[in-house]
N, C-alpha and C. Protein backbone atom coordinates (compact mmCIF):
# COMPACT_ATOMS: atom_id res chain seq x y z
N MET A 1 2.59 -10.28 -27.63
CA MET A 1 2.91 -10.96 -26.40
C MET A 1 2.73 -12.47 -26.55
N GLU A 2 1.68 -12.83 -27.26
CA GLU A 2 1.45 -14.26 -27.48
C GLU A 2 2.56 -14.87 -28.33
N GLU A 3 2.99 -14.14 -29.34
CA GLU A 3 4.09 -14.63 -30.19
C GLU A 3 5.35 -14.83 -29.38
N ALA A 4 5.65 -13.89 -28.48
CA ALA A 4 6.83 -14.02 -27.64
C ALA A 4 6.73 -15.27 -26.77
N PHE A 5 5.57 -15.46 -26.16
CA PHE A 5 5.37 -16.64 -25.31
C PHE A 5 5.48 -17.92 -26.13
N ASN A 6 4.81 -17.95 -27.27
CA ASN A 6 4.81 -19.16 -28.09
C ASN A 6 6.18 -19.49 -28.66
N SER A 7 7.05 -18.49 -28.77
CA SER A 7 8.38 -18.75 -29.31
C SER A 7 9.40 -19.07 -28.21
N SER A 8 8.97 -19.04 -26.95
CA SER A 8 9.91 -19.37 -25.87
C SER A 8 10.15 -20.88 -25.83
N ARG A 9 11.28 -21.24 -25.25
CA ARG A 9 11.71 -22.64 -25.25
C ARG A 9 10.80 -23.52 -24.39
N VAL A 10 10.49 -24.69 -24.92
CA VAL A 10 9.68 -25.66 -24.19
C VAL A 10 10.48 -26.12 -22.96
N ASN A 11 9.80 -26.30 -21.86
CA ASN A 11 10.32 -26.80 -20.59
C ASN A 11 10.96 -25.74 -19.71
N TRP A 12 11.57 -24.69 -20.24
CA TRP A 12 12.14 -23.67 -19.36
C TRP A 12 12.14 -22.27 -19.96
N GLY A 13 11.33 -22.04 -20.97
CA GLY A 13 11.24 -20.71 -21.58
C GLY A 13 10.58 -19.70 -20.66
N LYS A 14 11.08 -18.47 -20.71
CA LYS A 14 10.53 -17.42 -19.86
C LYS A 14 10.23 -16.19 -20.71
N THR A 15 9.00 -15.68 -20.62
CA THR A 15 8.59 -14.48 -21.33
C THR A 15 8.39 -13.37 -20.32
N VAL A 16 9.07 -12.23 -20.54
CA VAL A 16 8.93 -11.09 -19.65
C VAL A 16 8.20 -9.99 -20.41
N ILE A 17 7.06 -9.55 -19.88
CA ILE A 17 6.25 -8.51 -20.51
C ILE A 17 6.53 -7.20 -19.79
N LEU A 18 6.94 -6.19 -20.56
CA LEU A 18 7.27 -4.89 -20.00
C LEU A 18 6.16 -3.90 -20.29
N GLY A 19 5.65 -3.23 -19.26
CA GLY A 19 4.63 -2.21 -19.46
C GLY A 19 3.24 -2.80 -19.63
N VAL A 20 2.38 -1.99 -20.24
CA VAL A 20 0.98 -2.35 -20.40
C VAL A 20 0.64 -2.43 -21.88
N GLU A 21 -0.06 -3.43 -22.27
CA GLU A 21 -0.53 -3.57 -23.65
C GLU A 21 -1.53 -2.46 -23.92
N MET A 22 -1.42 -1.81 -25.04
CA MET A 22 -2.15 -0.58 -25.33
C MET A 22 -3.67 -0.72 -25.26
N HIS A 23 -4.21 -1.81 -25.74
CA HIS A 23 -5.67 -1.94 -25.82
C HIS A 23 -6.24 -2.81 -24.71
N HIS A 24 -5.42 -3.15 -23.73
CA HIS A 24 -5.84 -3.97 -22.59
C HIS A 24 -6.46 -5.28 -23.04
N THR A 25 -5.90 -5.86 -24.08
CA THR A 25 -6.37 -7.14 -24.60
C THR A 25 -5.86 -8.26 -23.70
N PRO A 26 -6.71 -9.18 -23.28
CA PRO A 26 -6.25 -10.29 -22.45
C PRO A 26 -5.22 -11.14 -23.19
N LEU A 27 -4.29 -11.69 -22.46
CA LEU A 27 -3.28 -12.58 -23.03
C LEU A 27 -3.86 -13.99 -23.07
N ALA A 28 -4.01 -14.52 -24.26
CA ALA A 28 -4.56 -15.87 -24.43
C ALA A 28 -3.41 -16.82 -24.71
N ILE A 29 -3.14 -17.69 -23.73
CA ILE A 29 -2.08 -18.68 -23.93
C ILE A 29 -2.62 -20.06 -23.59
N ASN A 30 -2.00 -21.05 -24.16
CA ASN A 30 -2.38 -22.43 -23.92
C ASN A 30 -1.78 -22.86 -22.58
N THR A 31 -2.63 -23.19 -21.61
CA THR A 31 -2.14 -23.56 -20.28
C THR A 31 -1.27 -24.82 -20.30
N TYR A 32 -1.40 -25.61 -21.33
CA TYR A 32 -0.55 -26.79 -21.47
C TYR A 32 0.92 -26.39 -21.46
N PHE A 33 1.24 -25.26 -22.12
CA PHE A 33 2.63 -24.81 -22.17
C PHE A 33 3.12 -24.38 -20.78
N LEU A 34 2.22 -23.82 -19.97
CA LEU A 34 2.61 -23.46 -18.60
C LEU A 34 2.92 -24.72 -17.79
N LEU A 35 2.12 -25.75 -18.00
CA LEU A 35 2.35 -27.01 -17.29
C LEU A 35 3.64 -27.68 -17.75
N ARG A 36 4.09 -27.35 -18.95
CA ARG A 36 5.33 -27.91 -19.48
C ARG A 36 6.56 -27.08 -19.11
N GLY A 37 6.39 -26.05 -18.28
CA GLY A 37 7.55 -25.34 -17.77
C GLY A 37 7.77 -23.93 -18.28
N ARG A 38 7.02 -23.49 -19.27
CA ARG A 38 7.18 -22.10 -19.73
C ARG A 38 6.57 -21.17 -18.69
N THR A 39 7.13 -19.97 -18.58
CA THR A 39 6.61 -19.00 -17.62
C THR A 39 6.41 -17.65 -18.27
N VAL A 40 5.50 -16.88 -17.67
CA VAL A 40 5.24 -15.50 -18.09
C VAL A 40 5.34 -14.63 -16.85
N THR A 41 6.05 -13.53 -16.96
CA THR A 41 6.13 -12.57 -15.86
C THR A 41 6.09 -11.17 -16.46
N GLY A 42 5.84 -10.19 -15.64
CA GLY A 42 5.77 -8.83 -16.15
C GLY A 42 6.29 -7.84 -15.13
N CYS A 43 6.54 -6.63 -15.59
CA CYS A 43 6.98 -5.61 -14.65
C CYS A 43 6.67 -4.22 -15.20
N PHE A 44 6.49 -3.29 -14.27
CA PHE A 44 6.35 -1.86 -14.58
C PHE A 44 7.66 -1.18 -14.20
N PHE A 45 8.04 -0.20 -14.93
CA PHE A 45 9.19 0.63 -14.59
C PHE A 45 10.46 -0.18 -14.34
N GLY A 46 10.62 -1.29 -15.03
CA GLY A 46 11.84 -2.08 -14.89
C GLY A 46 12.00 -2.75 -13.54
N GLY A 47 10.91 -2.90 -12.81
CA GLY A 47 10.98 -3.55 -11.51
C GLY A 47 11.42 -2.62 -10.39
N LEU A 48 11.40 -1.32 -10.64
CA LEU A 48 11.80 -0.34 -9.64
C LEU A 48 10.90 -0.40 -8.42
N LYS A 49 11.50 -0.37 -7.25
CA LYS A 49 10.75 -0.34 -6.00
C LYS A 49 10.91 1.05 -5.42
N ALA A 50 9.86 1.85 -5.54
CA ALA A 50 9.95 3.28 -5.25
C ALA A 50 10.46 3.57 -3.84
N LYS A 51 9.96 2.86 -2.85
CA LYS A 51 10.31 3.18 -1.46
C LYS A 51 11.80 3.02 -1.19
N SER A 52 12.43 2.02 -1.77
CA SER A 52 13.85 1.80 -1.51
C SER A 52 14.75 2.33 -2.62
N ASP A 53 14.29 2.32 -3.87
CA ASP A 53 15.17 2.67 -4.98
C ASP A 53 15.26 4.17 -5.26
N ILE A 54 14.18 4.92 -5.08
CA ILE A 54 14.21 6.35 -5.40
C ILE A 54 15.20 7.11 -4.52
N PRO A 55 15.27 6.86 -3.20
CA PRO A 55 16.30 7.55 -2.42
C PRO A 55 17.72 7.24 -2.90
N ILE A 56 17.97 6.02 -3.33
CA ILE A 56 19.30 5.66 -3.85
C ILE A 56 19.57 6.40 -5.15
N LEU A 57 18.58 6.44 -6.04
CA LEU A 57 18.75 7.16 -7.30
C LEU A 57 18.95 8.66 -7.07
N ALA A 58 18.22 9.22 -6.11
CA ALA A 58 18.38 10.65 -5.80
C ALA A 58 19.80 10.93 -5.31
N GLN A 59 20.34 10.08 -4.45
CA GLN A 59 21.71 10.26 -3.98
C GLN A 59 22.71 10.14 -5.12
N LYS A 60 22.51 9.18 -6.01
CA LYS A 60 23.41 9.03 -7.16
C LYS A 60 23.36 10.26 -8.06
N TYR A 61 22.18 10.83 -8.23
CA TYR A 61 22.05 12.04 -9.04
C TYR A 61 22.77 13.21 -8.38
N LEU A 62 22.57 13.38 -7.08
CA LEU A 62 23.20 14.48 -6.36
C LEU A 62 24.72 14.37 -6.34
N HIS A 63 25.24 13.15 -6.38
CA HIS A 63 26.69 12.92 -6.40
C HIS A 63 27.22 12.79 -7.83
N LYS A 64 26.40 13.16 -8.82
CA LYS A 64 26.80 13.15 -10.24
C LYS A 64 27.22 11.76 -10.73
N GLU A 65 26.66 10.71 -10.13
CA GLU A 65 26.95 9.35 -10.58
C GLU A 65 26.06 8.94 -11.75
N ILE A 66 24.89 9.58 -11.88
CA ILE A 66 24.02 9.35 -13.03
C ILE A 66 23.60 10.70 -13.60
N ASN A 67 23.46 10.76 -14.91
CA ASN A 67 23.09 12.00 -15.59
C ASN A 67 21.63 11.93 -16.02
N LEU A 68 20.81 12.72 -15.37
CA LEU A 68 19.40 12.80 -15.74
C LEU A 68 19.10 14.08 -16.52
N ASP A 69 19.99 15.06 -16.43
CA ASP A 69 19.75 16.35 -17.08
C ASP A 69 19.61 16.22 -18.59
N GLY A 70 20.28 15.25 -19.17
CA GLY A 70 20.21 15.06 -20.61
C GLY A 70 18.84 14.64 -21.11
N PHE A 71 17.99 14.16 -20.20
CA PHE A 71 16.64 13.74 -20.58
C PHE A 71 15.64 14.89 -20.57
N ILE A 72 16.02 16.03 -20.02
CA ILE A 72 15.12 17.18 -19.95
C ILE A 72 15.18 17.92 -21.29
N THR A 73 14.07 17.96 -21.99
CA THR A 73 14.05 18.58 -23.31
C THR A 73 13.40 19.96 -23.31
N HIS A 74 12.57 20.26 -22.32
CA HIS A 74 11.88 21.55 -22.27
C HIS A 74 11.68 21.99 -20.82
N GLU A 75 11.54 23.30 -20.64
CA GLU A 75 11.19 23.89 -19.35
C GLU A 75 10.10 24.93 -19.62
N VAL A 76 9.03 24.88 -18.84
CA VAL A 76 7.93 25.85 -19.00
C VAL A 76 7.48 26.34 -17.63
N ASN A 77 6.87 27.51 -17.60
CA ASN A 77 6.25 28.02 -16.39
C ASN A 77 4.91 27.33 -16.18
N PHE A 78 4.42 27.37 -14.94
CA PHE A 78 3.18 26.68 -14.62
C PHE A 78 2.01 27.15 -15.48
N GLN A 79 1.96 28.45 -15.80
CA GLN A 79 0.85 28.94 -16.61
C GLN A 79 0.89 28.38 -18.04
N ASP A 80 2.03 27.78 -18.44
CA ASP A 80 2.16 27.18 -19.78
C ASP A 80 2.09 25.65 -19.71
N ILE A 81 1.45 25.13 -18.69
CA ILE A 81 1.41 23.67 -18.50
C ILE A 81 0.76 22.96 -19.69
N ASN A 82 -0.24 23.60 -20.32
CA ASN A 82 -0.88 22.98 -21.49
C ASN A 82 0.10 22.82 -22.64
N LYS A 83 1.05 23.75 -22.76
CA LYS A 83 2.10 23.63 -23.79
C LYS A 83 2.94 22.38 -23.53
N ALA A 84 3.22 22.11 -22.25
CA ALA A 84 4.00 20.92 -21.90
C ALA A 84 3.27 19.65 -22.34
N PHE A 85 1.97 19.60 -22.11
CA PHE A 85 1.19 18.43 -22.54
C PHE A 85 1.15 18.33 -24.07
N ASP A 86 1.02 19.46 -24.75
CA ASP A 86 1.02 19.46 -26.22
C ASP A 86 2.33 18.93 -26.76
N LEU A 87 3.46 19.37 -26.20
CA LEU A 87 4.77 18.89 -26.63
C LEU A 87 4.89 17.38 -26.44
N LEU A 88 4.39 16.91 -25.32
CA LEU A 88 4.44 15.48 -25.04
C LEU A 88 3.60 14.69 -26.04
N LEU A 89 2.37 15.14 -26.28
CA LEU A 89 1.49 14.44 -27.20
C LEU A 89 1.98 14.49 -28.64
N GLU A 90 2.69 15.55 -29.00
CA GLU A 90 3.25 15.68 -30.35
C GLU A 90 4.54 14.90 -30.51
N GLY A 91 5.03 14.32 -29.43
CA GLY A 91 6.28 13.57 -29.50
C GLY A 91 7.51 14.45 -29.55
N LYS A 92 7.40 15.71 -29.15
CA LYS A 92 8.51 16.64 -29.22
C LYS A 92 9.23 16.79 -27.88
N SER A 93 8.71 16.18 -26.84
CA SER A 93 9.28 16.34 -25.51
C SER A 93 9.49 14.98 -24.87
N LEU A 94 10.66 14.80 -24.28
CA LEU A 94 10.92 13.57 -23.54
C LEU A 94 10.55 13.79 -22.07
N ARG A 95 11.12 14.83 -21.46
CA ARG A 95 10.80 15.23 -20.10
C ARG A 95 10.75 16.73 -20.05
N CYS A 96 9.79 17.27 -19.33
CA CYS A 96 9.59 18.70 -19.25
C CYS A 96 9.55 19.13 -17.79
N ILE A 97 10.34 20.14 -17.46
CA ILE A 97 10.31 20.72 -16.11
C ILE A 97 9.24 21.80 -16.10
N ILE A 98 8.36 21.75 -15.11
CA ILE A 98 7.33 22.77 -14.95
C ILE A 98 7.69 23.60 -13.72
N TRP A 99 8.02 24.86 -13.94
CA TRP A 99 8.44 25.73 -12.85
C TRP A 99 7.21 26.36 -12.19
N MET A 100 7.13 26.24 -10.86
CA MET A 100 6.03 26.79 -10.09
C MET A 100 6.54 28.04 -9.37
N ASP A 101 6.34 29.19 -9.99
CA ASP A 101 6.83 30.45 -9.39
C ASP A 101 5.84 30.97 -8.38
């Protein structure tokens, strides 16, 4: 993150940080660069606003405007929920549907 910030353009460079840094290490930057016009911003989930955006996405899915089914890699019953977590931790699952019978 520091390298990205330090490589941004003087006077109007902008660094966008996506997600969370794995080890929760503080970002150490020279405040002089901020005073010279460089900026740092961040976002979770691509800036999605759940209250307004999820209903829109749900409607788009229901009207077949976006395909989410391709992201589902596994389906398990609730009693096999630990298998779903194992698949995720092993990197074998992107999204898993857990059926609650």
